[in-house]
Structures are given as structure tokens and as C-alpha cells.
Amino acid sequence: MKLPKQYLLSDLLSHNVRKNMTLSYGSGETVWMHPPVHRILGWSSRPSNLNLKRNVWKLNQIRQIVDNEIFVKGEPAISDVNTLNRFPNLLFANLINKHGFKIGSIADFIFDFKTGNILNYLISRSNPRIPGSSRWKLNIENITDQQPGLVFCDHNSLDDFVLVKSSIRNEFLKKGKNLFNKFDDIKNIATNKLEDWLEEDDVYDKQSFSEENQLSNKNNPFNSDAINSNYSNNRENDPWI
């Protein structure tokens, strides 16, 4: 099976390491890297929660990746947690802007599977261990300096970076805003149709009222001439006038 050209460190660490279908070395735990040249050398796996021993692997030991399983060749180097913690590592390091303020943390890497070279760092605004949070892309050329636990960049804020993954909260707010906008559009359309219907009904009522008055005057036998004639005759025959 052909290995991918680019890969996420989080995907590498989330897979279970196997020699074969019966022998498992546990899931990935931490990265083994060389920070000065931004290169991943390998990673370590943990056999069990109670075991302090760690299995360290090189990238070129990977034979294939199937679903959530990484199949390796050869034997691992054996180490322990204290030794691995002394290795330099930029994962979860604080990102410092050009004014000296923390603007995020390194949460993940995108690396070349063949060479191990890190292509981009992914930055989280809050705790990088929180699942579903946003990710911004930090290019290698934007890094001005690095120290244990610190990475310095030439940008001012995360708004200067490219957003590569939106958080669940932002997606929810975005979808909610789109839903409210659609509701407002539907409400405006319904309001306009109701106003048009009321205007048409008002015009129809005025026309009907005018036609009824004309028809009533036409059919009324007591027109104005007859009323005036009767009034004159009554004055002539009235003995009191």
C-alpha cells in the first residue's frame, strides 16, 4: 500500500502500532523531532497505561497504514518517559508575536512522509488538546526564532494567518446566522405578499362600494325631481300656508 505524501502528526499519534495482526505495540504518544531544521525523525508508542516503557520508531520503519493501524518493520528502540521528555519538541509550544505576546500554541504539524520535513505548523488559539478547536497555518518562513517551549513569529495576531480549520463553535454560529438570514428573507417575502394582498383587497372594496352606489341611485324611484315636485304640490294644497 502506497504511503501518503503529506500527513498530520495528530493522525500519526492516534494510530495503533502493530508488527502484525497479533503483536501490538500500543498507540502513539509523542513525536521525536529535530526542531532546528523543522524535521520529524519518528514517534513513540505506549504499550499500556501502566507500563513506563516506551517504544520509539523511525518514520522509515512504517510499512503501511490501514484504517487506524500502522504496521511497522523491524524492532523499536526502548526508552522511558523521562528520557523522551528531555528531547527538544515544539509540540504545544507557545507562539509569540512580534511584540512579545502569546497569541496561540502549536497544536499539530503537517509533514512530508518521505523526508520527515515539517511543511507547516498548525496553531490553536486556546488549549490545543481541546478537540474541535480552530487551526491556523504557520509557515516555516514566518518563524523568526525558537526556544524550548517558545516559537517566535513576525506576525501580530492570528488574524494574519490563514484559517485552515474552523472550530465547531464557529461552524455552529455560522450555520445559525445563515438560518436566521434565511428566516428573515422568508419573513420579508411573506410581509411583502401580505401588503400586496391587502392593497389589492382595498382597491377591490372601493370599486365594489362605488358600483353599489351607482346601482342604488339608478334603481331608486324617488329621484330628486320627484321629491321637489311633491314638495311644491304640498305647499299649494296646504291651507295653513
Protein backbone atom coordinates (compact mmCIF):
# COMPACT_ATOMS: atom_id res chain seq x y z
CA MET A 1 0.00 0.00 0.00
CA LYS A 2 1.38 3.40 -1.01
CA LEU A 3 2.09 5.77 1.89
CA PRO A 4 0.65 9.32 1.73
CA LYS A 5 2.93 12.16 0.64
CA GLN A 6 1.81 14.52 3.41
CA TYR A 7 0.49 13.61 6.82
CA LEU A 8 -0.75 15.14 10.06
CA LEU A 9 1.17 14.42 13.24
CA SER A 10 -2.12 14.03 15.15
CA ASP A 11 -3.15 11.24 12.77
CA LEU A 12 0.19 9.52 13.24
CA LEU A 13 -0.10 9.62 17.03
CA SER A 14 -3.73 8.48 17.05
CA HIS A 15 -2.98 5.16 15.30
CA ASN A 16 -2.17 1.87 16.96
CA VAL A 17 1.29 0.44 16.11
CA ARG A 18 1.46 -3.21 15.05
CA LYS A 19 4.14 -5.61 13.90
CA ASN A 20 1.45 -7.95 12.62
CA MET A 21 -2.16 -8.77 13.35
CA THR A 22 -1.28 -10.45 16.66
CA LEU A 23 1.53 -8.25 18.05
CA SER A 24 0.61 -4.70 19.11
CA TYR A 25 2.97 -2.03 20.47
CA GLY A 26 0.25 0.34 21.64
CA SER A 27 -0.93 3.73 20.40
CA GLY A 28 1.25 6.72 19.55
CA GLU A 29 2.10 9.16 22.34
CA THR A 30 4.68 11.81 21.38
CA VAL A 31 6.78 12.97 18.45
CA TRP A 32 10.55 12.60 18.05
CA MET A 33 11.83 15.61 16.13
CA HIS A 34 14.79 17.87 15.42
CA PRO A 35 13.46 21.44 15.92
CA PRO A 36 16.40 23.46 14.44
CA VAL A 37 15.71 22.09 10.95
CA HIS A 38 11.95 21.50 11.46
CA ARG A 39 12.08 17.80 10.81
CA ILE A 40 10.28 14.79 12.30
CA LEU A 41 12.52 11.79 12.92
CA GLY A 42 9.90 9.44 14.35
CA TRP A 43 7.49 8.92 17.23
CA SER A 44 6.97 6.82 20.32
CA SER A 45 4.17 4.47 21.31
CA ARG A 46 2.95 3.37 24.73
CA PRO A 47 2.36 -0.37 25.24
CA SER A 48 -0.12 0.16 28.09
CA ASN A 49 -1.29 2.76 30.59
CA LEU A 50 0.63 1.14 33.45
CA ASN A 51 3.85 0.48 31.53
CA LEU A 52 6.61 3.12 31.84
CA LYS A 53 8.48 1.68 28.88
CA ARG A 54 8.13 3.44 25.52
CA ASN A 55 8.74 2.09 22.03
CA VAL A 56 10.49 4.59 19.73
CA TRP A 57 10.08 4.28 15.97
CA LYS A 58 11.63 5.93 12.92
CA LEU A 59 9.45 7.07 10.04
CA ASN A 60 11.17 4.74 7.60
CA GLN A 61 10.01 1.75 9.67
CA ILE A 62 6.41 2.26 8.55
CA ARG A 63 5.30 -0.39 6.05
CA GLN A 64 1.67 0.57 5.58
CA ILE A 65 -1.28 2.34 7.18
CA VAL A 66 -4.63 0.58 7.22
CA ASP A 67 -7.56 2.33 8.85
CA ASN A 68 -6.35 3.15 12.40
CA GLU A 69 -3.42 0.75 12.34
CA ILE A 70 0.24 1.45 11.47
CA PHE A 71 2.21 -1.66 10.50
CA VAL A 72 5.95 -1.38 11.10
CA LYS A 73 9.04 -3.37 10.21
CA GLY A 74 11.99 -4.13 12.46
CA GLU A 75 12.23 -3.64 16.19
CA PRO A 76 11.70 -0.42 18.21
CA ALA A 77 14.25 1.37 20.34
CA ILE A 78 13.32 1.07 24.01
CA SER A 79 13.20 4.22 26.12
CA ASP A 80 11.27 5.70 29.05
CA VAL A 81 9.10 8.75 29.71
CA ASN A 82 11.77 10.80 31.49
CA THR A 83 14.26 10.37 28.66
CA LEU A 84 11.72 11.27 25.98
CA ASN A 85 10.63 14.36 27.90
CA ARG A 86 14.20 15.68 27.65
CA PHE A 87 14.11 15.56 23.87
CA PRO A 88 13.52 19.01 22.27
CA ASN A 89 9.98 19.29 21.00
CA LEU A 90 7.87 22.12 19.57
CA LEU A 91 4.51 20.40 20.01
CA PHE A 92 2.30 22.50 22.35
CA ALA A 93 4.94 25.27 22.40
CA ASN A 94 3.63 28.83 22.86
CA LEU A 95 3.55 31.05 19.78
CA ILE A 96 4.87 34.57 20.49
CA ASN A 97 4.10 37.52 18.20
CA LYS A 98 6.48 40.29 17.14
CA HIS A 99 5.54 42.36 20.22
CA GLY A 100 6.39 39.56 22.65
CA PHE A 101 2.82 38.45 23.48
CA LYS A 102 1.45 34.92 23.32
CA ILE A 103 -1.16 34.54 20.57
CA GLY A 104 -1.58 30.76 20.49
CA SER A 105 0.02 27.34 20.79
CA ILE A 106 1.40 24.86 18.28
CA ALA A 107 -1.20 22.10 18.10
CA ASP A 108 -0.15 20.00 15.11
CA PHE A 109 2.30 19.55 12.20
CA ILE A 110 1.89 18.81 8.52
CA PHE A 111 4.96 16.90 7.37
CA ASP A 112 6.36 15.17 4.33
CA PHE A 113 6.07 11.43 4.89
CA LYS A 114 9.16 10.54 2.86
CA THR A 115 11.64 13.09 4.25
CA GLY A 116 10.04 13.97 7.59
CA ASN A 117 10.36 17.68 6.81
CA ILE A 118 7.70 19.80 8.50
CA LEU A 119 5.77 21.79 5.89
CA ASN A 120 3.51 23.81 8.19
CA TYR A 121 2.67 24.17 11.84
CA LEU A 122 -0.99 24.37 12.88
CA ILE A 123 -1.78 26.90 15.61
CA SER A 124 -4.57 26.80 18.19
CA ARG A 125 -5.85 29.92 19.95
CA SER A 126 -6.71 28.11 23.21
CA ASN A 127 -5.70 24.75 24.68
CA PRO A 128 -4.52 22.66 21.69
CA ARG A 129 -5.71 19.47 23.38
CA ILE A 130 -9.35 20.59 23.13
CA PRO A 131 -10.93 18.71 20.19
CA GLY A 132 -12.81 20.64 17.56
CA SER A 133 -10.99 23.97 18.06
CA SER A 134 -9.85 26.20 15.20
CA ARG A 135 -6.48 25.82 13.46
CA TRP A 136 -4.35 28.46 11.71
CA LYS A 137 -1.42 27.69 9.40
CA LEU A 138 2.06 28.92 10.37
CA ASN A 139 4.61 28.77 7.56
CA ILE A 140 8.22 27.92 8.38
CA GLU A 141 9.48 31.19 6.84
CA ASN A 142 7.36 33.20 9.30
CA ILE A 143 9.30 31.81 12.27
CA THR A 144 11.96 34.25 13.46
CA ASP A 145 13.32 32.32 16.47
CA GLN A 146 12.63 29.34 18.68
CA GLN A 147 13.49 28.24 22.21
CA PRO A 148 12.36 25.31 24.36
CA GLY A 149 8.59 25.74 24.67
CA LEU A 150 8.57 29.00 22.64
CA VAL A 151 8.23 29.84 18.95
CA PHE A 152 8.55 33.45 17.75
CA CYS A 153 6.91 34.75 14.57
CA ASP A 154 6.84 38.01 12.60
CA HIS A 155 3.04 38.39 12.75
CA ASN A 156 0.91 40.40 15.15
CA SER A 157 -2.18 38.21 15.65
CA LEU A 158 -3.83 35.03 14.42
CA ASP A 159 -5.90 37.13 12.03
CA ASP A 160 -2.70 37.47 9.96
CA PHE A 161 -2.61 33.69 9.40
CA VAL A 162 -4.69 31.51 7.10
CA LEU A 163 -7.54 29.69 8.86
CA VAL A 164 -7.41 26.05 7.76
CA LYS A 165 -9.96 24.58 10.16
CA SER A 166 -12.88 26.34 11.78
CA SER A 167 -13.99 25.32 15.26
CA ILE A 168 -17.26 23.53 15.97
CA ARG A 169 -18.49 26.65 17.78
CA ASN A 170 -17.71 28.89 14.80
CA GLU A 171 -19.39 26.47 12.42
CA PHE A 172 -22.47 26.37 14.65
CA LEU A 173 -22.60 30.17 14.82
CA LYS A 174 -22.10 30.43 11.06
CA LYS A 175 -24.89 27.93 10.34
CA GLY A 176 -27.14 29.64 12.90
CA LYS A 177 -26.51 33.02 11.26
CA ASN A 178 -27.32 31.60 7.83
CA LEU A 179 -30.52 30.09 9.24
CA PHE A 180 -31.59 33.43 10.74
CA ASN A 181 -30.78 35.20 7.46
CA LYS A 182 -32.95 32.71 5.57
CA PHE A 183 -35.74 33.20 8.13
CA ASP A 184 -35.53 36.98 7.67
CA ASP A 185 -35.71 36.56 3.88
CA ILE A 186 -38.78 34.35 4.19
CA LYS A 187 -40.38 36.83 6.63
CA ASN A 188 -39.72 39.76 4.28
CA ILE A 189 -41.19 37.88 1.31
CA ALA A 190 -44.28 36.94 3.31
CA THR A 191 -44.69 40.54 4.55
CA ASN A 192 -44.45 41.94 1.01
CA LYS A 193 -47.00 39.43 -0.28
CA LEU A 194 -49.39 40.26 2.59
CA GLU A 195 -49.08 44.01 1.91
CA ASP A 196 -49.74 43.46 -1.81
CA TRP A 197 -52.79 41.32 -0.95
CA LEU A 198 -54.17 43.98 1.42
CA GLU A 199 -53.69 46.73 -1.18
CA GLU A 200 -55.48 44.67 -3.85
CA ASP A 201 -58.33 43.91 -1.41
CA ASP A 202 -58.67 47.62 -0.52
CA VAL A 203 -58.89 48.62 -4.19
CA TYR A 204 -61.47 45.89 -4.78
CA ASP A 205 -63.60 47.12 -1.83
CA LYS A 206 -63.56 50.71 -3.12
CA GLN A 207 -64.59 49.62 -6.59
CA SER A 208 -67.41 47.44 -5.22
CA PHE A 209 -68.68 50.26 -3.00
CA SER A 210 -68.75 52.70 -5.94
CA GLU A 211 -70.57 50.24 -8.20
CA GLU A 212 -73.17 49.52 -5.50
CA ASN A 213 -73.89 53.25 -5.01
CA GLN A 214 -74.35 53.77 -8.73
CA LEU A 215 -76.69 50.81 -8.98
CA SER A 216 -78.68 52.00 -5.94
CA ASN A 217 -79.18 55.51 -7.36
CA LYS A 218 -80.22 54.08 -10.70
CA ASN A 219 -82.89 51.79 -9.21
CA ASN A 220 -84.26 54.32 -6.68
CA PRO A 221 -87.69 55.72 -7.98
CA PHE A 222 -87.59 58.67 -5.60
CA ASN A 223 -85.22 60.75 -7.55
CA SER A 224 -84.57 64.40 -6.78
CA ASP A 225 -87.04 65.78 -9.40
CA ALA A 226 -89.92 63.77 -7.98
CA ILE A 227 -89.09 64.89 -4.47
CA ASN A 228 -89.06 68.57 -5.49
CA SER A 229 -92.39 68.23 -7.40
CA ASN A 230 -94.13 66.62 -4.43
CA TYR A 231 -92.81 69.32 -2.15
CA SER A 232 -94.29 72.10 -4.40
CA ASN A 233 -97.71 70.42 -4.62
CA ASN A 234 -97.90 70.06 -0.88
CA ARG A 235 -97.25 73.78 -0.40
CA GLU A 236 -100.11 74.76 -2.79
CA ASN A 237 -102.66 72.43 -1.13
CA ASP A 238 -101.70 73.28 2.43
CA PRO A 239 -104.40 75.60 3.91
CA TRP A 240 -102.07 76.85 6.62
CA ILE A 241 -99.54 78.32 4.21
